[in-house]
Amino acid sequence: MAEFTMELNDEQKEVRDWLHGFAADVIRPAAAEWDEREETPWPVIQEAAKVGIYSLDFYAQQFFDPTGLGIPMAMEELFWGDAGIALSIVGTGLAAVGVLANGTEEQIGTWIPQMYGDQNDVKVAAFCSSEPDAGSDVASMRTRAVYDEAKDEWVINGTKTWATNGGIANVHVVVAVVDPELGSKGHASFIVPPGTSGLTQGQKFKKHGIRASHTAEVVLDGVRVPGSCLLGGKEKLDERLARAREKAKAGGERVKNAAMATFEASRPAVGAMAVGTARAAYEVALEYATTREQFGRPIIDNQGVAFQLADMRTQIDAARLLVWRASWMAVNNRPFTAAEGSMSKLFASETAKKVTAQAIQILGGNGYTREYPVERMHRDSAIYTIFEGTSEIQRLVIARTLAGMPIR
């Protein structure tokens, strides 16, 4: 087991500095333009592919960092550059992880390369889970997948929403209900190959923040995919459903809590994104406060400003430590006995909203304009308290875990 340390090793520092340089030199200069355009920043994604950031190999290396700090470190630096562009770069990773976690070796080898494309022809992928009536309540999912045994095909019908890269993706990974009686344990994931008939993009959302990241509905109307597109295969699915039925009879709460452990392990990555945005806003505010003069002295000399900056930095560092703790626990298979994953996401996301608002206040009228990036950072920060479970859901998970109550 890797020992926890507060110090990044030399290799981690090298990767961090490399990512920071890309964020500073490539992402930040493009941030305002793509925020205004509200379009996928294909040229920036292509640059990321050329240097090796937009690739499965890079994320796999960070994911298997034995300290658990590879992914949060990478997320913080990229989102320090700009949240919308960074999400466009890392969004494909969610679909790729879905295939890695559930797919066969053949499926992994076939589909993940198609998700990324290559340096000259980059592609993106979409993970489609949320629905108009099933966001936090995944058990209410309505998208159905029915097996056509005669043709060895799955027929999928339903509507997905809030899908990053939805409709523009080369490959879509779709979660659908195969056994409604089992709730969330009756779900399965499917690959929808490029050009599949019946899959269309629905509404593209015009968002408050992260505008450079494409978010849309995905409509599945009689979509037929080969049996080989069921992640993990039919035999594995049948075995899993049979076990779920037996466990549901014996005590379903154990099944639900096992599923919750997966969410707990993934939430620190979102917390790291929030830390990156908060840190970026804090740095802008700090520089402004040390150079902006009023009444013959820098405004940081005023306690009202100085104390805000002190609180901002303290909260950012505390959020990072919570993220690092949860990430280390996840990679070392330590149980989240106090919902530490949700804690990290909750505190970091709320910190990002608060810090970016304080940054605007410190910059005054300038902070309220688009001439300074804190206005955009504040808009972007709102998403962290919403996706991957709202702050209210995080508090519910933490409270029920502390009370020893089942999490539904």
Foldseek 3Di string as FASTA:
>chain_A
DDDADPDDDPVLVVVLVVLLVLLVPPQQVCALVLLVVLAAPVVSLLVCQVVPNQAPVQVVVQPLPLLLCSLLSNLLSNLLSPVLNSCSRCQQVVVLVVLVVFADPVCNVPPRCLQAPHSVDGFHEKEFQAAPVPAPQSLPFDWAWEADVVQQKIWTFDKTFFIFCAARGQKYKYKHAHDSVLRPLRIFIFIQHGPFPQKHWDDWDCALASSNTTTTMIGGDRTIDHQNRTGNGDVVSVVSVVVSVVCVVVPNLVVQVVVVQVLLQPLLSLLSSLLSLLVSLLVVLVVQQQPDDDPHHRNCVDCVSVVLSVVLVVLSVVLVVLSSVSSSCNSVVNDPLQSSSLVSLLSSLVSSLVSLVSSLVSVDPVSCDPVDCSVNSNSHSVCSCPPSHHSVLSVVVRVCSVVVHRDD
